[in-house]
């Protein structure tokens, strides 16, 4: 396939556009991250229903991940990104309307599926756009650093948005952060229209949609499931990604329980702020951390092992909250910081590992399939762990989370045994 011209764009410009889009989309999403579980509970749902609604979001991602990845690989990554921003704007407005009328659970399930559709237009397309555009503009650095910068910007946006969302919710009501989210999604849509261009990739407009999708799907199977190191990483994703989603959202009501005030929404926003701060530090630390590992899989394996241990420690704190008093709250905060920091450092390293062995023509689809596997874990984990929280408490659900997360370790070990060309870390890369 002929590589399209770059029209004077440079690698630095590509990175700036990527960071701008990351800033806008993360800021839009993070306005509600600190209060999302509380928002659902305020709408009349119980814990099981609230996390089941989140699970339907994951179901939407599972259903649409690969089809929307194919859209990005056939009709363009810019087109896919804009569809995502528009879909998320519509579904956010729908969430607001249902909160006002205390809609039945079926409404939340359908709206959550629509939210999942919106995010799938982003998931593979943005990362694929970045990697191909960097390759087309002669980028010579290492991908970990670029993804680390994106994660740092994402952390700054998440910190700002989640804290502001919690404060705004406490000063007004739980619906106003969703209004702010809708406005910011509109800004992201306009930014993609003006600044995003498909570089290093040519949309397949000369063939029918059916033919193009069949070709991309076949290629994505070869580049994904039949690509052994990619396959093992994908099989690990349900256990790490699914648990990560639950651990983050459950921390909101869990911290309020430890704090002793169920209406302290700013405290709930603190969980998202901590994760955001960890993303900032983790993103900046990636170029340093990678120097201490010979293989990327070694770093990923250690990170997952630490995450499992920390989740178990959070459970121990919860089980002893009565005897620890307010100390339990501060211990949980410290452990959350550690968990989020490890999670943040491992992310860019894993991204570099996968992108180094995925063909450009199927990149968005394969990355979307990887995201699908993570979402599949969320489909099962969130309602199941939400039920554990209803029956036995949040501490018990974190204990189960730690055990399930550790199941990913054998798959990461198998990925390391494949001796992938993207696994060794080159210490000479700038």
Protein backbone atom coordinates (compact mmCIF):
# COMPACT_ATOMS: atom_id res chain seq x y z
CA UNK A 1 0.00 0.00 0.00
CA UNK A 2 1.38 3.43 -0.99
CA UNK A 3 2.18 5.65 1.97
CA UNK A 4 0.28 8.97 1.78
CA UNK A 5 2.29 12.22 1.82
CA UNK A 6 2.75 14.01 5.12
CA UNK A 7 2.04 17.49 3.60
CA UNK A 8 4.79 19.09 5.64
CA UNK A 9 3.71 17.69 9.00
CA UNK A 10 6.49 16.80 11.44
CA UNK A 11 6.72 14.24 14.22
CA UNK A 12 6.62 17.08 16.76
CA UNK A 13 3.36 18.38 15.28
CA UNK A 14 1.86 14.89 15.35
CA UNK A 15 2.72 14.57 19.03
CA UNK A 16 1.20 17.97 19.81
CA UNK A 17 -2.09 17.01 18.14
CA UNK A 18 -2.08 13.68 19.99
CA UNK A 19 -1.49 15.41 23.31
CA UNK A 20 -4.24 17.98 22.58
CA UNK A 21 -6.79 15.28 21.74
CA UNK A 22 -5.72 13.28 24.80
CA UNK A 23 -6.15 16.37 26.98
CA UNK A 24 -9.64 17.17 25.67
CA UNK A 25 -11.06 13.64 25.71
CA UNK A 26 -9.65 12.77 29.14
CA UNK A 27 -10.83 16.06 30.60
CA UNK A 28 -14.30 15.42 29.21
CA UNK A 29 -14.40 11.89 30.61
CA UNK A 30 -12.90 12.76 34.00
CA UNK A 31 -15.54 15.31 34.98
CA UNK A 32 -17.72 12.36 36.01
CA UNK A 33 -15.14 9.76 37.06
CA UNK A 34 -15.08 10.90 40.66
CA UNK A 35 -18.86 10.77 41.04
CA UNK A 36 -20.07 8.23 38.48
CA UNK A 37 -20.92 5.46 40.97
CA UNK A 38 -22.57 7.96 43.31
CA UNK A 39 -24.53 9.37 40.32
CA UNK A 40 -25.92 5.92 39.54
CA UNK A 41 -26.78 5.24 43.18
CA UNK A 42 -28.48 8.65 43.41
CA UNK A 43 -30.58 7.68 40.38
CA UNK A 44 -32.10 4.84 42.43
CA UNK A 45 -29.82 1.93 41.55
CA UNK A 46 -28.27 -0.34 44.18
CA UNK A 47 -24.62 -1.49 44.14
CA UNK A 48 -25.33 -4.55 42.02
CA UNK A 49 -27.34 -2.53 39.48
CA UNK A 50 -24.79 0.31 39.41
CA UNK A 51 -21.91 -1.99 38.60
CA UNK A 52 -24.14 -3.96 36.24
CA UNK A 53 -24.76 -0.69 34.37
CA UNK A 54 -21.00 -0.27 34.12
CA UNK A 55 -20.83 -3.86 32.90
CA UNK A 56 -23.25 -3.00 30.08
CA UNK A 57 -20.80 -0.25 29.13
CA UNK A 58 -18.18 -2.99 28.87
CA UNK A 59 -20.64 -5.13 26.88
CA UNK A 60 -21.00 -2.26 24.43
CA UNK A 61 -17.23 -2.16 24.06
CA UNK A 62 -17.08 -5.92 23.54
CA UNK A 63 -19.78 -5.80 20.85
CA UNK A 64 -18.40 -2.82 18.96
CA UNK A 65 -14.62 -2.90 19.52
CA UNK A 66 -13.66 -4.86 16.42
CA UNK A 67 -16.33 -3.37 14.07
CA UNK A 68 -15.29 0.18 14.99
CA UNK A 69 -11.63 -0.80 14.69
CA UNK A 70 -12.41 -1.99 11.18
CA UNK A 71 -14.11 1.36 10.49
CA UNK A 72 -10.90 3.13 11.55
CA UNK A 73 -8.78 0.85 9.34
CA UNK A 74 -11.06 1.29 6.31
CA UNK A 75 -12.61 4.76 6.49
CA UNK A 76 -9.93 6.57 8.46
CA UNK A 77 -8.79 7.13 12.04
CA UNK A 78 -9.88 10.81 12.02
CA UNK A 79 -13.38 9.80 10.90
CA UNK A 80 -13.54 7.19 13.67
CA UNK A 81 -12.38 9.68 16.32
CA UNK A 82 -15.06 12.20 15.33
CA UNK A 83 -17.76 9.52 15.41
CA UNK A 84 -16.62 8.64 18.91
CA UNK A 85 -16.81 12.20 20.19
CA UNK A 86 -20.29 12.66 18.73
CA UNK A 87 -21.60 9.36 20.11
CA UNK A 88 -20.25 10.08 23.60
CA UNK A 89 -21.85 13.54 23.57
CA UNK A 90 -25.24 12.05 22.71
CA UNK A 91 -25.01 9.28 25.33
CA UNK A 92 -23.93 11.76 28.03
CA UNK A 93 -27.04 13.85 27.39
CA UNK A 94 -29.10 10.65 27.59
CA UNK A 95 -27.53 9.83 30.98
CA UNK A 96 -28.56 13.25 32.27
CA UNK A 97 -32.13 12.82 31.10
CA UNK A 98 -32.47 9.41 32.76
CA UNK A 99 -31.01 10.68 36.04
CA UNK A 100 -33.65 13.40 36.16
CA UNK A 101 -36.54 10.96 35.68
CA UNK A 102 -34.96 8.08 37.70
CA UNK A 103 -35.25 5.78 34.72
CA UNK A 104 -35.53 1.99 35.19
CA UNK A 105 -32.42 -0.18 34.96
CA UNK A 106 -33.08 -1.19 31.34
CA UNK A 107 -32.63 2.44 30.29
CA UNK A 108 -29.25 2.64 32.01
CA UNK A 109 -28.20 -0.61 30.37
CA UNK A 110 -29.00 0.68 26.88
CA UNK A 111 -27.40 4.07 27.48
CA UNK A 112 -24.28 2.39 28.87
CA UNK A 113 -24.01 0.25 25.72
CA UNK A 114 -24.17 3.47 23.68
CA UNK A 115 -21.37 4.92 25.83
CA UNK A 116 -19.33 1.80 25.10
CA UNK A 117 -19.88 2.31 21.38
CA UNK A 118 -18.55 5.86 21.66
CA UNK A 119 -15.36 4.80 23.41
CA UNK A 120 -14.69 2.00 20.90
CA UNK A 121 -14.42 4.58 18.13
CA UNK A 122 -11.53 6.06 20.16
CA UNK A 123 -9.81 2.99 21.56
CA UNK A 124 -7.82 1.65 18.62
CA UNK A 125 -8.08 4.59 16.25
CA UNK A 126 -6.23 7.23 18.27
CA UNK A 127 -3.25 5.03 19.11
CA UNK A 128 -3.07 3.65 15.55
CA UNK A 129 -3.22 7.19 14.14
CA UNK A 130 -0.35 8.29 16.37
CA UNK A 131 2.00 5.36 15.59
CA UNK A 132 1.44 5.48 11.82
CA UNK A 133 1.76 9.28 11.70
CA UNK A 134 5.01 9.15 13.68
CA UNK A 135 6.40 6.51 11.34
CA UNK A 136 5.41 8.59 8.31
CA UNK A 137 7.09 11.72 9.65
CA UNK A 138 10.41 10.03 10.43
CA UNK A 139 10.16 9.71 14.20
CA UNK A 140 13.35 8.16 15.67
CA UNK A 141 12.62 8.09 19.42
CA UNK A 142 11.04 5.34 21.53
CA UNK A 143 7.30 4.87 21.78
CA UNK A 144 7.30 4.48 25.57
CA UNK A 145 8.31 8.12 25.93
CA UNK A 146 5.53 9.33 23.62
CA UNK A 147 2.90 7.18 25.33
CA UNK A 148 4.32 8.32 28.67
CA UNK A 149 3.83 11.97 27.68
CA UNK A 150 0.28 11.17 26.65
CA UNK A 151 -0.31 9.49 29.98
CA UNK A 152 1.12 12.51 31.80
CA UNK A 153 -1.21 14.85 29.93
CA UNK A 154 -4.06 12.43 30.57
CA UNK A 155 -3.20 12.47 34.28
CA UNK A 156 -3.18 16.26 34.39
CA UNK A 157 -6.57 16.36 32.67
CA UNK A 158 -7.95 13.63 34.90
CA UNK A 159 -6.68 15.37 38.04
CA UNK A 160 -8.23 18.67 37.01
CA UNK A 161 -11.49 17.20 35.78
CA UNK A 162 -12.12 14.75 38.61
CA UNK A 163 -11.40 17.28 41.36
CA UNK A 164 -13.47 19.93 39.63
CA UNK A 165 -16.27 17.42 38.99
CA UNK A 166 -16.37 16.43 42.67
CA UNK A 167 -16.37 20.04 43.86
CA UNK A 168 -19.00 21.10 41.34
CA UNK A 169 -21.21 18.15 42.32
CA UNK A 170 -20.97 19.09 46.00
CA UNK A 171 -21.71 22.78 45.33
CA UNK A 172 -24.55 22.10 42.86
CA UNK A 173 -25.73 18.55 42.17
CA UNK A 174 -24.49 15.30 40.66
CA UNK A 175 -25.79 16.20 37.18
CA UNK A 176 -23.69 19.30 36.50
CA UNK A 177 -20.41 17.36 35.89
CA UNK A 178 -22.21 15.56 33.06
CA UNK A 179 -23.13 18.93 31.51
CA UNK A 180 -19.44 19.93 31.61
CA UNK A 181 -18.54 16.62 29.99
CA UNK A 182 -20.93 17.18 27.09
CA UNK A 183 -19.49 20.66 26.45
CA UNK A 184 -15.90 19.39 26.41
CA UNK A 185 -16.77 16.55 24.03
CA UNK A 186 -18.08 19.16 21.61
CA UNK A 187 -14.72 20.97 21.81
CA UNK A 188 -12.85 17.68 21.17
CA UNK A 189 -15.01 17.04 18.10
CA UNK A 190 -14.10 20.44 16.64
CA UNK A 191 -10.39 19.99 17.46
CA UNK A 192 -10.28 16.64 15.62
CA UNK A 193 -12.00 18.22 12.61
CA UNK A 194 -9.43 21.03 12.37
CA UNK A 195 -6.14 19.41 13.40
CA UNK A 196 -6.27 15.63 12.88
CA UNK A 197 -5.10 14.23 9.53
CA UNK A 198 -4.50 10.60 8.53
CA UNK A 199 -0.74 10.46 7.94
CA UNK A 200 1.09 7.28 7.01
CA UNK A 201 -2.24 5.59 6.35
CA UNK A 202 -4.60 5.63 3.39
CA UNK A 203 -8.30 4.85 3.99
CA UNK A 204 -9.62 2.12 1.69
CA UNK A 205 -12.17 4.18 -0.22
CA UNK A 206 -11.64 2.35 -3.53
CA UNK A 207 -13.31 -0.88 -2.39
CA UNK A 208 -16.70 -1.70 -0.92
CA UNK A 209 -17.16 -1.54 2.83
CA UNK A 210 -17.88 -5.28 2.95
CA UNK A 211 -14.72 -6.19 1.01
CA UNK A 212 -12.56 -3.82 3.04
CA UNK A 213 -13.92 -5.13 6.35
CA UNK A 214 -13.36 -8.74 5.30
CA UNK A 215 -9.78 -7.96 4.28
CA UNK A 216 -9.01 -6.06 7.48
CA UNK A 217 -10.63 -8.70 9.68
CA UNK A 218 -8.58 -11.49 8.09
CA UNK A 219 -5.43 -9.45 8.49
CA UNK A 220 -6.22 -8.58 12.09
CA UNK A 221 -6.58 -12.27 12.96
CA UNK A 222 -3.14 -12.90 11.47
CA UNK A 223 -1.66 -9.88 13.24
CA UNK A 224 -3.55 -10.52 16.48
CA UNK A 225 -4.69 -13.98 17.56
CA UNK A 226 -2.23 -15.81 15.31
CA UNK A 227 0.56 -13.50 16.43
CA UNK A 228 1.61 -15.49 19.49
CA UNK A 229 3.10 -12.77 21.75
CA UNK A 230 0.14 -10.48 20.98
CA UNK A 231 -2.26 -13.33 21.71
CA UNK A 232 -0.80 -14.01 25.16
CA UNK A 233 -0.94 -10.32 26.09
CA UNK A 234 -4.55 -10.20 24.92
CA UNK A 235 -5.45 -13.21 27.05
CA UNK A 236 -3.96 -11.48 30.10
CA UNK A 237 -6.04 -8.34 29.48
CA UNK A 238 -9.40 -9.57 30.90
CA UNK A 239 -7.79 -10.23 34.29
CA UNK A 240 -5.87 -6.94 34.53
CA UNK A 241 -8.16 -4.55 32.67
CA UNK A 242 -11.44 -5.90 34.01
CA UNK A 243 -10.20 -5.78 37.59
CA UNK A 244 -8.70 -2.33 37.08
CA UNK A 245 -12.09 -0.92 36.05
CA UNK A 246 -13.81 -2.33 39.13
CA UNK A 247 -11.02 -1.35 41.54
CA UNK A 248 -11.19 2.25 40.35
CA UNK A 249 -14.95 2.73 40.45
CA UNK A 250 -15.46 0.81 43.70
CA UNK A 251 -12.91 3.04 45.42
CA UNK A 252 -15.37 5.97 45.34
CA UNK A 253 -17.99 4.51 47.73
CA UNK A 254 -15.29 2.53 49.59
CA UNK A 255 -13.41 5.71 50.54
CA UNK A 256 -16.67 7.34 51.64
CA UNK A 257 -17.34 4.30 53.83
CA UNK A 258 -13.88 4.55 55.41
CA UNK A 259 -14.22 8.33 55.80
CA UNK A 260 -17.62 8.02 57.48
CA UNK A 261 -19.56 10.59 55.44
CA UNK A 262 -21.62 9.27 52.48
CA UNK A 263 -22.29 12.80 51.15
CA UNK A 264 -18.64 13.96 50.97
CA UNK A 265 -18.51 13.91 47.15
CA UNK A 266 -15.18 15.72 47.09
CA UNK A 267 -13.69 12.75 48.96
CA UNK A 268 -15.07 10.44 46.29
CA UNK A 269 -13.41 12.64 43.68
CA UNK A 270 -10.15 12.14 45.56
CA UNK A 271 -9.93 8.56 44.25
CA UNK A 272 -9.92 9.79 40.66
CA UNK A 273 -7.51 12.58 41.54
CA UNK A 274 -5.06 10.10 43.06
CA UNK A 275 -5.16 7.92 39.95
CA UNK A 276 -4.64 11.05 37.85
CA UNK A 277 -1.63 12.12 39.89
CA UNK A 278 -0.18 8.63 39.55
CA UNK A 279 -0.62 8.84 35.79
CA UNK A 280 1.34 12.08 35.72
CA UNK A 281 4.20 10.66 37.78
CA UNK A 282 4.05 7.30 36.02
CA UNK A 283 4.14 8.88 32.57
CA UNK A 284 7.16 10.99 33.47
CA UNK A 285 8.87 7.98 35.06
CA UNK A 286 8.61 5.63 32.07
CA UNK A 287 11.89 6.72 30.38
CA UNK A 288 13.68 6.14 33.70
CA UNK A 289 11.97 2.88 34.67
CA UNK A 290 12.63 1.24 31.29
CA UNK A 291 16.39 1.53 31.90
CA UNK A 292 16.18 -1.02 34.72
CA UNK A 293 14.69 -3.80 32.60
CA UNK A 294 16.14 -5.85 29.80
CA UNK A 295 12.74 -6.99 28.51
CA UNK A 296 9.40 -5.22 28.44
CA UNK A 297 7.64 -8.39 29.58
CA UNK A 298 9.77 -8.42 32.75
CA UNK A 299 8.46 -4.95 33.65
CA UNK A 300 4.86 -5.90 32.84
CA UNK A 301 5.06 -9.14 34.88
CA UNK A 302 6.43 -7.34 37.94
CA UNK A 303 3.76 -4.63 37.65
CA UNK A 304 0.87 -7.11 37.57
CA UNK A 305 2.30 -9.03 40.54
CA UNK A 306 2.57 -5.82 42.57
CA UNK A 307 -0.97 -4.76 41.61
CA UNK A 308 -2.35 -8.08 42.91
CA UNK A 309 -0.51 -7.74 46.22
CA UNK A 310 -1.65 -4.14 46.70
CA UNK A 311 -5.31 -5.02 46.04
CA UNK A 312 -5.02 -7.70 48.72
CA UNK A 313 -3.54 -5.14 51.12
CA UNK A 314 -6.48 -2.79 50.47
CA UNK A 315 -8.79 -5.67 51.43
CA UNK A 316 -6.91 -6.18 54.71
CA UNK A 317 -7.36 -2.49 55.56
CA UNK A 318 -11.09 -2.75 54.84
CA UNK A 319 -11.51 -5.83 57.00
CA UNK A 320 -9.91 -3.96 59.92
CA UNK A 321 -11.61 -0.58 59.44
CA UNK A 322 -13.43 -0.72 62.79
CA UNK A 323 -10.23 -1.17 64.80
CA UNK A 324 -8.16 1.21 62.64
CA UNK A 325 -10.69 4.07 62.63
CA UNK A 326 -9.74 7.03 60.42
CA UNK A 327 -6.29 5.47 59.96
CA UNK A 328 -7.94 2.94 57.62
CA UNK A 329 -8.91 5.82 55.30
CA UNK A 330 -5.35 7.11 55.06
CA UNK A 331 -3.89 3.62 54.61
CA UNK A 332 -6.34 2.97 51.78
CA UNK A 333 -5.31 6.26 50.17
CA UNK A 334 -1.61 5.27 50.37
CA UNK A 335 -2.28 1.86 48.86
CA UNK A 336 -4.41 3.38 46.12
CA UNK A 337 -1.50 5.68 45.24
CA UNK A 338 0.86 2.69 44.98
CA UNK A 339 -1.60 0.65 42.89
CA UNK A 340 -2.28 3.51 40.48
CA UNK A 341 1.42 4.33 40.11
CA UNK A 342 2.35 0.76 39.17
CA UNK A 343 -0.60 0.60 36.77
CA UNK A 344 0.48 3.89 35.16
CA UNK A 345 4.10 2.88 34.58
CA UNK A 346 3.18 -0.49 33.04
CA UNK A 347 0.70 0.97 30.51
CA UNK A 348 3.09 2.71 28.07
CA UNK A 349 5.53 -0.23 28.21
CA UNK A 350 2.75 -2.63 27.25
CA UNK A 351 1.64 -0.29 24.44
CA UNK A 352 5.17 -0.19 23.01
CA UNK A 353 5.41 -4.00 23.18
CA UNK A 354 2.19 -4.49 21.19
CA UNK A 355 2.68 -1.71 18.62
CA UNK A 356 6.14 -3.01 17.77
CA UNK A 357 4.71 -6.23 16.31
CA UNK A 358 1.34 -5.21 14.83
CA UNK A 359 1.15 -4.49 11.05
CA UNK A 360 0.15 -0.92 10.20
CA UNK A 361 -2.77 -1.93 7.96
CA UNK A 362 -4.53 -3.74 10.81
CA UNK A 363 -3.21 -1.70 13.73
CA UNK A 364 -6.51 -0.07 14.80
CA UNK A 365 -8.43 -3.33 14.54
CA UNK A 366 -5.89 -5.38 16.51
CA UNK A 367 -5.62 -2.68 19.19
CA UNK A 368 -9.41 -2.57 19.35
CA UNK A 369 -9.48 -6.34 19.80
CA UNK A 370 -7.00 -6.00 22.66
CA UNK A 371 -9.29 -3.40 24.23
CA UNK A 372 -12.20 -5.79 23.67
CA UNK A 373 -10.47 -8.44 25.76
CA UNK A 374 -10.04 -5.97 28.61
CA UNK A 375 -13.70 -4.96 28.33
CA UNK A 376 -14.73 -8.61 28.35
CA UNK A 377 -13.11 -8.91 31.75
CA UNK A 378 -15.10 -5.89 32.90
CA UNK A 379 -18.36 -7.46 31.71
CA UNK A 380 -17.86 -10.37 34.10
CA UNK A 381 -15.92 -8.71 36.91
CA UNK A 382 -18.02 -5.62 37.58
CA UNK A 383 -21.43 -7.18 38.32
CA UNK A 384 -19.82 -10.18 40.03
CA UNK A 385 -17.62 -8.06 42.29
CA UNK A 386 -20.47 -5.60 42.82
CA UNK A 387 -22.51 -8.51 44.13
CA UNK A 388 -19.63 -9.52 46.42
CA UNK A 389 -19.58 -5.93 47.72
CA UNK A 390 -23.35 -6.03 48.37
CA UNK A 391 -23.17 -9.34 50.23
CA UNK A 392 -19.79 -9.23 51.99
CA UNK A 393 -18.55 -5.64 51.71
CA UNK A 394 -16.02 -3.76 49.60
CA UNK A 395 -13.05 -5.29 51.42
CA UNK A 396 -14.07 -8.78 50.30
CA UNK A 397 -14.47 -7.59 46.72
CA UNK A 398 -10.92 -6.18 46.75
CA UNK A 399 -9.57 -9.47 48.07
CA UNK A 400 -11.23 -11.34 45.20
CA UNK A 401 -9.91 -8.68 42.80
CA UNK A 402 -6.33 -9.32 43.88
CA UNK A 403 -6.67 -13.05 43.31
CA UNK A 404 -8.25 -12.64 39.86
CA UNK A 405 -5.63 -10.09 38.78
CA UNK A 406 -2.86 -12.61 39.50
CA UNK A 407 -4.35 -15.02 36.92
CA UNK A 408 -2.81 -12.78 34.22
CA UNK A 409 0.75 -13.66 35.28
CA UNK A 410 1.06 -17.01 33.44
CA UNK A 411 -0.04 -15.38 30.17
CA UNK A 412 2.57 -12.65 30.50
CA UNK A 413 5.20 -15.31 31.15
CA UNK A 414 4.12 -17.12 27.96
CA UNK A 415 4.40 -13.85 26.02
CA UNK A 416 7.97 -13.47 27.28
CA UNK A 417 8.86 -16.98 26.10
CA UNK A 418 7.91 -16.08 22.53
CA UNK A 419 11.02 -13.82 22.25
CA UNK A 420 9.13 -11.10 20.41
CA UNK A 421 11.29 -8.57 18.51
CA UNK A 422 9.49 -5.79 20.40
CA UNK A 423 10.36 -7.27 23.81
CA UNK A 424 14.03 -6.24 24.25
CA UNK A 425 14.52 -2.67 25.44
CA UNK A 426 17.15 -0.79 23.44
CA UNK A 427 19.06 1.42 25.92
CA UNK A 428 20.46 3.51 23.03
CA UNK A 429 17.06 4.84 21.91
CA UNK A 430 16.73 8.57 22.61
